[in-house]
PDB file of N, CA and C in Angstrom:
ATOM      1  N   MET A   1       0.851  -1.187   0.000  1.00  0.00           N
ATOM      2  CA  MET A   1       0.000   0.000   0.000  1.00  0.00           C
ATOM      3  C   MET A   1       0.887   1.236   0.000  1.00  0.00           C
ATOM      4  N   THR A   2       0.656   2.129  -0.943  1.00  0.00           N
ATOM      5  CA  THR A   2       1.424   3.360  -1.020  1.00  0.00           C
ATOM      6  C   THR A   2       0.488   4.539  -0.816  1.00  0.00           C
ATOM      7  N   SER A   3       0.680   5.232   0.293  1.00  0.00           N
ATOM      8  CA  SER A   3      -0.106   6.424   0.602  1.00  0.00           C
ATOM      9  C   SER A   3       0.800   7.637   0.493  1.00  0.00           C
ATOM     10  N   VAL A   4       0.299   8.669  -0.185  1.00  0.00           N
ATOM     11  CA  VAL A   4       1.034   9.923  -0.317  1.00  0.00           C
ATOM     12  C   VAL A   4       0.150  11.030   0.235  1.00  0.00           C
ATOM     13  N   LEU A   5       0.727  11.864   1.085  1.00  0.00           N
ATOM     14  CA  LEU A   5       0.024  12.990   1.700  1.00  0.00           C
ATOM     15  C   LEU A   5       0.773  14.267   1.344  1.00  0.00           C
ATOM     16  N   ILE A   6       0.068  15.201   0.719  1.00  0.00           N
ATOM     17  CA  ILE A   6       0.667  16.512   0.439  1.00  0.00           C
ATOM     18  C   ILE A   6      -0.129  17.536   1.228  1.00  0.00           C
ATOM     19  N   ASP A   7       0.473  17.986   2.312  1.00  0.00           N
ATOM     20  CA  ASP A   7      -0.181  18.887   3.269  1.00  0.00           C
ATOM     21  C   ASP A   7       0.914  19.563   4.083  1.00  0.00           C
ATOM     22  N   ASP A   8       0.794  20.858   4.287  1.00  0.00           N
ATOM     23  CA  ASP A   8       1.840  21.580   5.003  1.00  0.00           C
ATOM     24  C   ASP A   8       1.863  21.323   6.499  1.00  0.00           C
ATOM     25  N   LEU A   9       0.756  20.900   7.084  1.00  0.00           N
ATOM     26  CA  LEU A   9       0.691  20.769   8.541  1.00  0.00           C
ATOM     27  C   LEU A   9       0.203  19.420   9.053  1.00  0.00           C
ATOM     28  N   ARG A  10      -0.736  18.816   8.366  1.00  0.00           N
ATOM     29  CA  ARG A  10      -1.405  17.641   8.906  1.00  0.00           C
ATOM     30  C   ARG A  10      -0.660  16.344   8.620  1.00  0.00           C
ATOM     31  N   SER A  11      -1.001  15.337   9.432  1.00  0.00           N
ATOM     32  CA  SER A  11      -0.506  13.975   9.288  1.00  0.00           C
ATOM     33  C   SER A  11      -1.698  13.038   9.454  1.00  0.00           C
ATOM     34  N   PHE A  12      -1.488  11.763   9.195  1.00  0.00           N
ATOM     35  CA  PHE A  12      -2.578  10.804   9.357  1.00  0.00           C
ATOM     36  C   PHE A  12      -2.848  10.546  10.837  1.00  0.00           C
ATOM     37  N   ALA A  13      -4.113  10.592  11.222  1.00  0.00           N
ATOM     38  CA  ALA A  13      -4.527  10.391  12.608  1.00  0.00           C
ATOM     39  C   ALA A  13      -4.170   8.996  13.096  1.00  0.00           C
ATOM     40  N   ASP A  14      -4.235   8.016  12.212  1.00  0.00           N
ATOM     41  CA  ASP A  14      -3.963   6.639  12.624  1.00  0.00           C
ATOM     42  C   ASP A  14      -2.483   6.261  12.535  1.00  0.00           C
ATOM     43  N   GLY A  15      -1.646   7.206  12.146  1.00  0.00           N
ATOM     44  CA  GLY A  15      -0.215   6.952  12.094  1.00  0.00           C
ATOM     45  C   GLY A  15       0.220   6.026  10.969  1.00  0.00           C
ATOM     46  N   ARG A  16      -0.657   5.806   9.982  1.00  0.00           N
ATOM     47  CA  ARG A  16      -0.316   4.908   8.877  1.00  0.00           C
ATOM     48  C   ARG A  16       0.960   5.369   8.180  1.00  0.00           C
ATOM     49  N   PRO A  17       1.711   4.422   7.662  1.00  0.00           N
ATOM     50  CA  PRO A  17       2.914   4.815   6.922  1.00  0.00           C
ATOM     51  C   PRO A  17       2.528   5.564   5.650  1.00  0.00           C
ATOM     52  N   ALA A  18       3.217   6.648   5.409  1.00  0.00           N
ATOM     53  CA  ALA A  18       2.915   7.456   4.233  1.00  0.00           C
ATOM     54  C   ALA A  18       4.152   8.227   3.823  1.00  0.00           C
ATOM     55  N   MET A  19       4.204   8.552   2.552  1.00  0.00           N
ATOM     56  CA  MET A  19       5.204   9.480   2.047  1.00  0.00           C
ATOM     57  C   MET A  19       4.555  10.854   2.118  1.00  0.00           C
ATOM     58  N   VAL A  20       5.249  11.806   2.725  1.00  0.00           N
ATOM     59  CA  VAL A  20       4.662  13.116   3.000  1.00  0.00           C
ATOM     60  C   VAL A  20       5.486  14.208   2.335  1.00  0.00           C
ATOM     61  N   ALA A  21       4.793  15.147   1.719  1.00  0.00           N
ATOM     62  CA  ALA A  21       5.415  16.354   1.174  1.00  0.00           C
ATOM     63  C   ALA A  21       4.708  17.543   1.808  1.00  0.00           C
ATOM     64  N   ARG A  22       5.479  18.532   2.219  1.00  0.00           N
ATOM     65  CA  ARG A  22       4.920  19.688   2.924  1.00  0.00           C
ATOM     66  C   ARG A  22       4.773  20.930   2.044  1.00  0.00           C
ATOM     67  N   THR A  23       5.290  20.887   0.825  1.00  0.00           N
ATOM     68  CA  THR A  23       5.178  22.009  -0.113  1.00  0.00           C
ATOM     69  C   THR A  23       4.792  21.456  -1.484  1.00  0.00           C
ATOM     70  N   SER A  24       4.338  22.340  -2.358  1.00  0.00           N
ATOM     71  CA  SER A  24       4.003  21.893  -3.709  1.00  0.00           C
ATOM     72  C   SER A  24       5.254  21.419  -4.439  1.00  0.00           C
ATOM     73  N   GLU A  25       6.363  22.094  -4.235  1.00  0.00           N
ATOM     74  CA  GLU A  25       7.618  21.697  -4.886  1.00  0.00           C
ATOM     75  C   GLU A  25       8.030  20.290  -4.446  1.00  0.00           C
ATOM     76  N   ALA A  26       7.944  20.037  -3.151  1.00  0.00           N
ATOM     77  CA  ALA A  26       8.273  18.699  -2.640  1.00  0.00           C
ATOM     78  C   ALA A  26       7.255  17.668  -3.135  1.00  0.00           C
ATOM     79  N   GLY A  27       5.992  18.070  -3.259  1.00  0.00           N
ATOM     80  CA  GLY A  27       4.959  17.165  -3.765  1.00  0.00           C
ATOM     81  C   GLY A  27       5.210  16.765  -5.203  1.00  0.00           C
ATOM     82  N   VAL A  28       5.582  17.727  -6.035  1.00  0.00           N
ATOM     83  CA  VAL A  28       5.892  17.435  -7.439  1.00  0.00           C
ATOM     84  C   VAL A  28       7.094  16.490  -7.508  1.00  0.00           C
ATOM     85  N   ALA A  29       8.127  16.787  -6.744  1.00  0.00           N
ATOM     86  CA  ALA A  29       9.320  15.937  -6.753  1.00  0.00           C
ATOM     87  C   ALA A  29       8.995  14.516  -6.286  1.00  0.00           C
ATOM     88  N   LEU A  30       8.179  14.406  -5.243  1.00  0.00           N
ATOM     89  CA  LEU A  30       7.808  13.088  -4.726  1.00  0.00           C
ATOM     90  C   LEU A  30       7.024  12.308  -5.771  1.00  0.00           C
ATOM     91  N   LEU A  31       6.023  12.936  -6.374  1.00  0.00           N
ATOM     92  CA  LEU A  31       5.235  12.236  -7.393  1.00  0.00           C
ATOM     93  C   LEU A  31       6.094  11.855  -8.595  1.00  0.00           C
ATOM     94  N   GLU A  32       6.993  12.734  -9.004  1.00  0.00           N
ATOM     95  CA  GLU A  32       7.893  12.397 -10.117  1.00  0.00           C
ATOM     96  C   GLU A  32       8.722  11.161  -9.774  1.00  0.00           C
ATOM     97  N   SER A  33       9.153  11.054  -8.519  1.00  0.00           N
ATOM     98  CA  SER A  33       9.968   9.898  -8.111  1.00  0.00           C
ATOM     99  C   SER A  33       9.147   8.612  -8.076  1.00  0.00           C
ATOM    100  N   LEU A  34       7.828   8.744  -7.981  1.00  0.00           N
ATOM    101  CA  LEU A  34       6.940   7.581  -7.908  1.00  0.00           C
ATOM    102  C   LEU A  34       6.264   7.275  -9.247  1.00  0.00           C
ATOM    103  N   ARG A  35       6.595   8.027 -10.262  1.00  0.00           N
ATOM    104  CA  ARG A  35       5.972   7.827 -11.585  1.00  0.00           C
ATOM    105  C   ARG A  35       6.156   6.377 -12.020  1.00  0.00           C
ATOM    106  N   GLY A  36       5.062   5.779 -12.477  1.00  0.00           N
ATOM    107  CA  GLY A  36       5.104   4.379 -12.902  1.00  0.00           C
ATOM    108  C   GLY A  36       4.720   3.396 -11.810  1.00  0.00           C
ATOM    109  N   ARG A  37       4.637   3.862 -10.569  1.00  0.00           N
ATOM    110  CA  ARG A  37       4.202   3.001  -9.459  1.00  0.00           C
ATOM    111  C   ARG A  37       2.727   3.241  -9.172  1.00  0.00           C
ATOM    112  N   HIS A  38       2.064   2.209  -8.633  1.00  0.00           N
ATOM    113  CA  HIS A  38       0.678   2.374  -8.216  1.00  0.00           C
ATOM    114  C   HIS A  38       0.645   3.074  -6.862  1.00  0.00           C
ATOM    115  N   LEU A  39      -0.121   4.147  -6.779  1.00  0.00           N
ATOM    116  CA  LEU A  39      -0.350   4.835  -5.511  1.00  0.00           C
ATOM    117  C   LEU A  39      -1.740   4.436  -5.042  1.00  0.00           C
ATOM    118  N   THR A  40      -1.807   3.823  -3.884  1.00  0.00           N
ATOM    119  CA  THR A  40      -3.098   3.403  -3.352  1.00  0.00           C
ATOM    120  C   THR A  40      -3.979   4.612  -3.092  1.00  0.00           C
ATOM    121  N   GLU A  41      -3.393   5.634  -2.477  1.00  0.00           N
ATOM    122  CA  GLU A  41      -4.148   6.840  -2.173  1.00  0.00           C
ATOM    123  C   GLU A  41      -3.233   8.046  -2.198  1.00  0.00           C
ATOM    124  N   LEU A  42      -3.776   9.141  -2.709  1.00  0.00           N
ATOM    125  CA  LEU A  42      -3.092  10.428  -2.746  1.00  0.00           C
ATOM    126  C   LEU A  42      -3.994  11.429  -2.049  1.00  0.00           C
ATOM    127  N   TRP A  43      -3.490  12.025  -0.971  1.00  0.00           N
ATOM    128  CA  TRP A  43      -4.257  12.987  -0.177  1.00  0.00           C
ATOM    129  C   TRP A  43      -3.738  14.387  -0.476  1.00  0.00           C
ATOM    130  N   LEU A  44      -4.652  15.300  -0.838  1.00  0.00           N
ATOM    131  CA  LEU A  44      -4.271  16.652  -1.227  1.00  0.00           C
ATOM    132  C   LEU A  44      -4.954  17.711  -0.367  1.00  0.00           C
ATOM    133  N   ASP A  45      -4.139  18.644   0.097  1.00  0.00           N
ATOM    134  CA  ASP A  45      -4.639  19.856   0.748  1.00  0.00           C
ATOM    135  C   ASP A  45      -4.471  20.986  -0.255  1.00  0.00           C
ATOM    136  N   HIS A  46      -5.334  21.974  -0.236  1.00  0.00           N
ATOM    137  CA  HIS A  46      -5.234  23.075  -1.196  1.00  0.00           C
ATOM    138  C   HIS A  46      -4.181  24.086  -0.777  1.00  0.00           C
ATOM    139  N   ASP A  47      -4.300  24.638   0.412  1.00  0.00           N
ATOM    140  CA  ASP A  47      -3.406  25.696   0.883  1.00  0.00           C
ATOM    141  C   ASP A  47      -2.227  25.080   1.610  1.00  0.00           C
ATOM    142  N   LEU A  48      -1.014  25.385   1.107  1.00  0.00           N
ATOM    143  CA  LEU A  48       0.188  24.746   1.659  1.00  0.00           C
ATOM    144  C   LEU A  48       1.094  25.735   2.383  1.00  0.00           C
ATOM    145  N   GLY A  49       0.539  26.801   2.874  1.00  0.00           N
ATOM    146  CA  GLY A  49       1.310  27.773   3.642  1.00  0.00           C
ATOM    147  C   GLY A  49       1.774  28.936   2.788  1.00  0.00           C
ATOM    148  N   GLY A  50       1.615  30.151   3.314  1.00  0.00           N
ATOM    149  CA  GLY A  50       2.005  31.343   2.564  1.00  0.00           C
ATOM    150  C   GLY A  50       1.245  31.410   1.252  1.00  0.00           C
ATOM    151  N   GLU A  51       1.974  31.646   0.175  1.00  0.00           N
ATOM    152  CA  GLU A  51       1.374  31.727  -1.161  1.00  0.00           C
ATOM    153  C   GLU A  51       1.333  30.370  -1.867  1.00  0.00           C
ATOM    154  N   ASP A  52       1.876  29.332  -1.240  1.00  0.00           N
ATOM    155  CA  ASP A  52       1.967  28.021  -1.871  1.00  0.00           C
ATOM    156  C   ASP A  52       0.615  27.313  -1.858  1.00  0.00           C
ATOM    157  N   THR A  53       0.272  26.710  -2.987  1.00  0.00           N
ATOM    158  CA  THR A  53      -0.952  25.919  -3.097  1.00  0.00           C
ATOM    159  C   THR A  53      -0.628  24.597  -3.781  1.00  0.00           C
ATOM    160  N   ILE A  54      -1.616  23.741  -3.879  1.00  0.00           N
ATOM    161  CA  ILE A  54      -1.474  22.418  -4.479  1.00  0.00           C
ATOM    162  C   ILE A  54      -1.421  22.477  -6.004  1.00  0.00           C
ATOM    163  N   TRP A  55      -1.636  23.636  -6.609  1.00  0.00           N
ATOM    164  CA  TRP A  55      -1.788  23.703  -8.064  1.00  0.00           C
ATOM    165  C   TRP A  55      -0.623  23.173  -8.883  1.00  0.00           C
ATOM    166  N   PRO A  56       0.626  23.337  -8.493  1.00  0.00           N
ATOM    167  CA  PRO A  56       1.695  22.698  -9.277  1.00  0.00           C
ATOM    168  C   PRO A  56       1.559  21.173  -9.311  1.00  0.00           C
ATOM    169  N   VAL A  57       1.061  20.583  -8.233  1.00  0.00           N
ATOM    170  CA  VAL A  57       0.843  19.131  -8.179  1.00  0.00           C
ATOM    171  C   VAL A  57      -0.309  18.751  -9.103  1.00  0.00           C
ATOM    172  N   VAL A  58      -1.406  19.501  -9.040  1.00  0.00           N
ATOM    173  CA  VAL A  58      -2.553  19.237  -9.907  1.00  0.00           C
ATOM    174  C   VAL A  58      -2.142  19.369 -11.373  1.00  0.00           C
ATOM    175  N   GLU A  59      -1.358  20.381 -11.685  1.00  0.00           N
ATOM    176  CA  GLU A  59      -0.894  20.573 -13.065  1.00  0.00           C
ATOM    177  C   GLU A  59      -0.020  19.409 -13.524  1.00  0.00           C
ATOM    178  N   LEU A  60       0.803  18.860 -12.638  1.00  0.00           N
ATOM    179  CA  LEU A  60       1.606  17.681 -12.973  1.00  0.00           C
ATOM    180  C   LEU A  60       0.704  16.503 -13.326  1.00  0.00           C
ATOM    181  N   LEU A  61      -0.321  16.275 -12.525  1.00  0.00           N
ATOM    182  CA  LEU A  61      -1.258  15.184 -12.782  1.00  0.00           C
ATOM    183  C   LEU A  61      -2.006  15.403 -14.099  1.00  0.00           C
ATOM    184  N   GLU A  62      -2.424  16.636 -14.331  1.00  0.00           N
ATOM    185  CA  GLU A  62      -3.124  16.948 -15.583  1.00  0.00           C
ATOM    186  C   GLU A  62      -2.220  16.731 -16.793  1.00  0.00           C
ATOM    187  N   ARG A  63      -0.989  17.222 -16.715  1.00  0.00           N
ATOM    188  CA  ARG A  63      -0.040  17.074 -17.826  1.00  0.00           C
ATOM    189  C   ARG A  63       0.213  15.616 -18.145  1.00  0.00           C
ATOM    190  N   ALA A  64       0.381  14.812 -17.107  1.00  0.00           N
ATOM    191  CA  ALA A  64       0.624  13.379 -17.308  1.00  0.00           C
ATOM    192  C   ALA A  64      -0.550  12.740 -18.042  1.00  0.00           C
ATOM    193  N   ALA A  65      -1.767  13.075 -17.643  1.00  0.00           N
ATOM    194  CA  ALA A  65      -2.952  12.524 -18.301  1.00  0.00           C
ATOM    195  C   ALA A  65      -3.062  13.031 -19.737  1.00  0.00           C
ATOM    196  N   PHE A  66      -2.791  14.309 -19.941  1.00  0.00           N
ATOM    197  CA  PHE A  66      -2.834  14.886 -21.284  1.00  0.00           C
ATOM    198  C   PHE A  66      -1.849  14.176 -22.210  1.00  0.00           C
ATOM    199  N   ASP A  67      -0.690  13.824 -21.674  1.00  0.00           N
ATOM    200  CA  ASP A  67       0.337  13.126 -22.459  1.00  0.00           C
ATOM    201  C   ASP A  67       0.037  11.644 -22.636  1.00  0.00           C
ATOM    202  N   GLY A  68      -1.091  11.184 -22.092  1.00  0.00           N
ATOM    203  CA  GLY A  68      -1.485   9.785 -22.244  1.00  0.00           C
ATOM    204  C   GLY A  68      -0.831   8.842 -21.255  1.00  0.00           C
ATOM    205  N   GLU A  69      -0.204   9.412 -20.224  1.00  0.00           N
ATOM    206  CA  GLU A  69       0.461   8.610 -19.200  1.00  0.00           C
ATOM    207  C   GLU A  69       0.047   9.075 -17.810  1.00  0.00           C
ATOM    208  N   PRO A  70      -1.254   8.955 -17.494  1.00  0.00           N
ATOM    209  CA  PRO A  70      -1.702   9.425 -16.176  1.00  0.00           C
ATOM    210  C   PRO A  70      -1.053   8.624 -15.054  1.00  0.00           C
ATOM    211  N   PHE A  71      -0.966   9.251 -13.904  1.00  0.00           N
ATOM    212  CA  PHE A  71      -0.472   8.537 -12.728  1.00  0.00           C
ATOM    213  C   PHE A  71      -1.476   7.454 -12.359  1.00  0.00           C
ATOM    214  N   ASP A  72      -0.985   6.325 -11.883  1.00  0.00           N
ATOM    215  CA  ASP A  72      -1.816   5.193 -11.463  1.00  0.00           C
ATOM    216  C   ASP A  72      -2.172   5.388  -9.995  1.00  0.00           C
ATOM    217  N   ILE A  73      -3.354   5.933  -9.757  1.00  0.00           N
ATOM    218  CA  ILE A  73      -3.781   6.271  -8.394  1.00  0.00           C
ATOM    219  C   ILE A  73      -5.110   5.592  -8.109  1.00  0.00           C
ATOM    220  N   GLY A  74      -5.169   4.851  -6.994  1.00  0.00           N
ATOM    221  CA  GLY A  74      -6.417   4.203  -6.595  1.00  0.00           C
ATOM    222  C   GLY A  74      -7.502   5.206  -6.312  1.00  0.00           C
ATOM    223  N   VAL A  75      -7.199   6.204  -5.497  1.00  0.00           N
ATOM    224  CA  VAL A  75      -8.157   7.278  -5.211  1.00  0.00           C
ATOM    225  C   VAL A  75      -7.392   8.512  -4.740  1.00  0.00           C
ATOM    226  N   VAL A  76      -7.856   9.670  -5.204  1.00  0.00           N
ATOM    227  CA  VAL A  76      -7.331  10.958  -4.755  1.00  0.00           C
ATOM    228  C   VAL A  76      -8.329  11.514  -3.749  1.00  0.00           C
ATOM    229  N   TYR A  77      -7.866  11.742  -2.541  1.00  0.00           N
ATOM    230  CA  TYR A  77      -8.700  12.354  -1.502  1.00  0.00           C
ATOM    231  C   TYR A  77      -8.338  13.830  -1.396  1.00  0.00           C
ATOM    232  N   ILE A  78      -9.335  14.691  -1.490  1.00  0.00           N
ATOM    233  CA  ILE A  78      -9.120  16.123  -1.296  1.00  0.00           C
ATOM    234  C   ILE A  78      -9.672  16.456   0.078  1.00  0.00           C
ATOM    235  N   HIS A  79      -8.771  16.734   1.007  1.00  0.00           N
ATOM    236  CA  HIS A  79      -9.189  16.941   2.393  1.00  0.00           C
ATOM    237  C   HIS A  79      -9.089  18.402   2.837  1.00  0.00           C
ATOM    238  N   SER A  80      -8.953  19.300   1.907  1.00  0.00           N
ATOM    239  CA  SER A  80      -8.771  20.712   2.192  1.00  0.00           C
ATOM    240  C   SER A  80      -9.988  21.323   2.885  1.00  0.00           C
ATOM    241  N   ALA A  81      -9.731  22.311   3.726  1.00  0.00           N
ATOM    242  CA  ALA A  81     -10.795  23.073   4.375  1.00  0.00           C
ATOM    243  C   ALA A  81     -11.149  24.316   3.558  1.00  0.00           C
ATOM    244  N   ASN A  82     -10.669  24.379   2.313  1.00  0.00           N
ATOM    245  CA  ASN A  82     -10.929  25.504   1.419  1.00  0.00           C
ATOM    246  C   ASN A  82     -11.979  25.056   0.397  1.00  0.00           C
ATOM    247  N   PRO A  83     -13.288  25.344   0.646  1.00  0.00           N
ATOM    248  CA  PRO A  83     -14.345  24.828  -0.227  1.00  0.00           C
ATOM    249  C   PRO A  83     -14.182  25.160  -1.711  1.00  0.00           C
ATOM    250  N   PRO A  84     -13.881  26.428  -2.082  1.00  0.00           N
ATOM    251  CA  PRO A  84     -13.694  26.688  -3.513  1.00  0.00           C
ATOM    252  C   PRO A  84     -12.500  25.920  -4.087  1.00  0.00           C
ATOM    253  N   GLY A  85     -11.460  25.767  -3.275  1.00  0.00           N
ATOM    254  CA  GLY A  85     -10.289  25.004  -3.711  1.00  0.00           C
ATOM    255  C   GLY A  85     -10.630  23.546  -3.956  1.00  0.00           C
ATOM    256  N   VAL A  86     -11.429  22.976  -3.076  1.00  0.00           N
ATOM    257  CA  VAL A  86     -11.849  21.574  -3.233  1.00  0.00           C
ATOM    258  C   VAL A  86     -12.580  21.395  -4.550  1.00  0.00           C
ATOM    259  N   VAL A  87     -13.508  22.294  -4.853  1.00  0.00           N
ATOM    260  CA  VAL A  87     -14.293  22.201  -6.083  1.00  0.00           C
ATOM    261  C   VAL A  87     -13.379  22.282  -7.305  1.00  0.00           C
ATOM    262  N   LYS A  88     -12.438  23.222  -7.304  1.00  0.00           N
ATOM    263  CA  LYS A  88     -11.554  23.397  -8.451  1.00  0.00           C
ATOM    264  C   LYS A  88     -10.637  22.187  -8.651  1.00  0.00           C
ATOM    265  N   ILE A  89     -10.078  21.668  -7.567  1.00  0.00           N
ATOM    266  CA  ILE A  89      -9.215  20.489  -7.674  1.00  0.00           C
ATOM    267  C   ILE A  89     -10.015  19.311  -8.215  1.00  0.00           C
ATOM    268  N   ARG A  90     -11.183  19.114  -7.649  1.00  0.00           N
ATOM    269  CA  ARG A  90     -12.027  17.988  -8.073  1.00  0.00           C
ATOM    270  C   ARG A  90     -12.361  18.082  -9.559  1.00  0.00           C
ATOM    271  N   GLN A  91     -12.784  19.253  -9.997  1.00  0.00           N
ATOM    272  CA  GLN A  91     -13.128  19.435 -11.412  1.00  0.00           C
ATOM    273  C   GLN A  91     -11.928  19.164 -12.310  1.00  0.00           C
ATOM    274  N   ALA A  92     -10.775  19.684 -11.937  1.00  0.00           N
ATOM    275  CA  ALA A  92      -9.574  19.507 -12.756  1.00  0.00           C
ATOM    276  C   ALA A  92      -9.197  18.036 -12.876  1.00  0.00           C
ATOM    277  N   LEU A  93      -9.209  17.310 -11.768  1.00  0.00           N
ATOM    278  CA  LEU A  93      -8.764  15.912 -11.794  1.00  0.00           C
ATOM    279  C   LEU A  93      -9.814  14.976 -12.392  1.00  0.00           C
ATOM    280  N   GLU A  94     -11.089  15.234 -12.127  1.00  0.00           N
ATOM    281  CA  GLU A  94     -12.125  14.382 -12.718  1.00  0.00           C
ATOM    282  C   GLU A  94     -12.169  14.544 -14.237  1.00  0.00           C
ATOM    283  N   ARG A  95     -11.825  15.714 -14.715  1.00  0.00           N
ATOM    284  CA  ARG A  95     -11.774  15.939 -16.167  1.00  0.00           C
ATOM    285  C   ARG A  95     -10.829  14.941 -16.824  1.00  0.00           C
ATOM    286  N   TRP A  96      -9.773  14.553 -16.100  1.00  0.00           N
ATOM    287  CA  TRP A  96      -8.768  13.624 -16.625  1.00  0.00           C
ATOM    288  C   TRP A  96      -8.992  12.211 -16.105  1.00  0.00           C
ATOM    289  N   HIS A  97     -10.157  11.966 -15.548  1.00  0.00           N
ATOM    290  CA  HIS A  97     -10.596  10.629 -15.127  1.00  0.00           C
ATOM    291  C   HIS A  97      -9.816  10.062 -13.945  1.00  0.00           C
ATOM    292  N   TYR A  98      -9.264  10.933 -13.109  1.00  0.00           N
ATOM    293  CA  TYR A  98      -8.690  10.455 -11.855  1.00  0.00           C
ATOM    294  C   TYR A  98      -9.845  10.180 -10.898  1.00  0.00           C
ATOM    295  N   PRO A  99      -9.772   9.103 -10.120  1.00  0.00           N
ATOM    296  CA  PRO A  99     -10.824   8.815  -9.133  1.00  0.00           C
ATOM    297  C   PRO A  99     -10.672   9.754  -7.930  1.00  0.00           C
ATOM    298  N   VAL A 100     -11.658  10.589  -7.712  1.00  0.00           N
ATOM    299  CA  VAL A 100     -11.556  11.647  -6.700  1.00  0.00           C
ATOM    300  C   VAL A 100     -12.678  11.527  -5.678  1.00  0.00           C
ATOM    301  N   ARG A 101     -12.302  11.732  -4.412  1.00  0.00           N
ATOM    302  CA  ARG A 101     -13.289  11.855  -3.329  1.00  0.00           C
ATOM    303  C   ARG A 101     -12.963  13.111  -2.541  1.00  0.00           C
ATOM    304  N   ALA A 102     -13.919  13.991  -2.423  1.00  0.00           N
ATOM    305  CA  ALA A 102     -13.752  15.198  -1.636  1.00  0.00           C
ATOM    306  C   ALA A 102     -14.236  14.928  -0.222  1.00  0.00           C
ATOM    307  N   ILE A 103     -13.333  15.067   0.743  1.00  0.00           N
ATOM    308  CA  ILE A 103     -13.701  14.841   2.145  1.00  0.00           C
ATOM    309  C   ILE A 103     -13.118  15.960   3.018  1.00  0.00           C
ATOM    310  N   PRO A 104     -13.587  17.209   2.784  1.00  0.00           N
ATOM    311  CA  PRO A 104     -13.078  18.322   3.588  1.00  0.00           C
ATOM    312  C   PRO A 104     -13.304  18.072   5.075  1.00  0.00           C
ATOM    313  N   GLY A 105     -12.327  18.440   5.855  1.00  0.00           N
ATOM    314  CA  GLY A 105     -12.444  18.249   7.299  1.00  0.00           C
ATOM    315  C   GLY A 105     -12.354  16.789   7.724  1.00  0.00           C
ATOM    316  N   SER A 106     -11.724  15.977   6.912  1.00  0.00           N
ATOM    317  CA  SER A 106     -11.641  14.538   7.202  1.00  0.00           C
ATOM    318  C   SER A 106     -10.975  14.266   8.560  1.00  0.00           C
ATOM    319  N   PRO A 107     -11.557  13.356   9.342  1.00  0.00           N
ATOM    320  CA  PRO A 107     -10.924  12.996  10.620  1.00  0.00           C
ATOM    321  C   PRO A 107      -9.686  12.115  10.420  1.00  0.00           C
ATOM    322  N   HIS A 108      -9.408  11.711   9.193  1.00  0.00           N
ATOM    323  CA  HIS A 108      -8.247  10.863   8.925  1.00  0.00           C
ATOM    324  C   HIS A 108      -6.938  11.640   8.955  1.00  0.00           C
ATOM    325  N   VAL A 109      -7.017  12.964   8.787  1.00  0.00           N
ATOM    326  CA  VAL A 109      -5.818  13.808   8.843  1.00  0.00           C
ATOM    327  C   VAL A 109      -5.999  14.844   9.947  1.00  0.00           C
ATOM    328  N   ILE A 110      -4.968  14.993  10.754  1.00  0.00           N
ATOM    329  CA  ILE A 110      -5.064  15.903  11.907  1.00  0.00           C
ATOM    330  C   ILE A 110      -3.815  16.775  11.992  1.00  0.00           C
ATOM    331  N   TYR A 111      -3.952  17.865  12.734  1.00  0.00           N
ATOM    332  CA  TYR A 111      -2.823  18.776  12.976  1.00  0.00           C
ATOM    333  C   TYR A 111      -1.946  18.228  14.068  1.00  0.00           C
TER     334      TYR A 111
END
């Protein structure tokens, strides 16, 4: 099972093993390093501190799908507390047929 969490502050409440990136730059680098592997779950937060957002990561996923080589992801969870951000991420990823579940305020990720 490969879980990836991209969030500036939160971690998994149950302590499950996960690869974690705290910035969009680190998230892009982590996903690039995992290209070609199956990711069981990818957890995305919208706001990553300061001016940083998840959009470089979303753009990476979109580009991969556009190029005909989408990332192999079981499910993308959007756990952001930013409602407009959740909607935009969901729309962008569903357009490219990524399996998405929006769960803002999820108890699975905590500060």
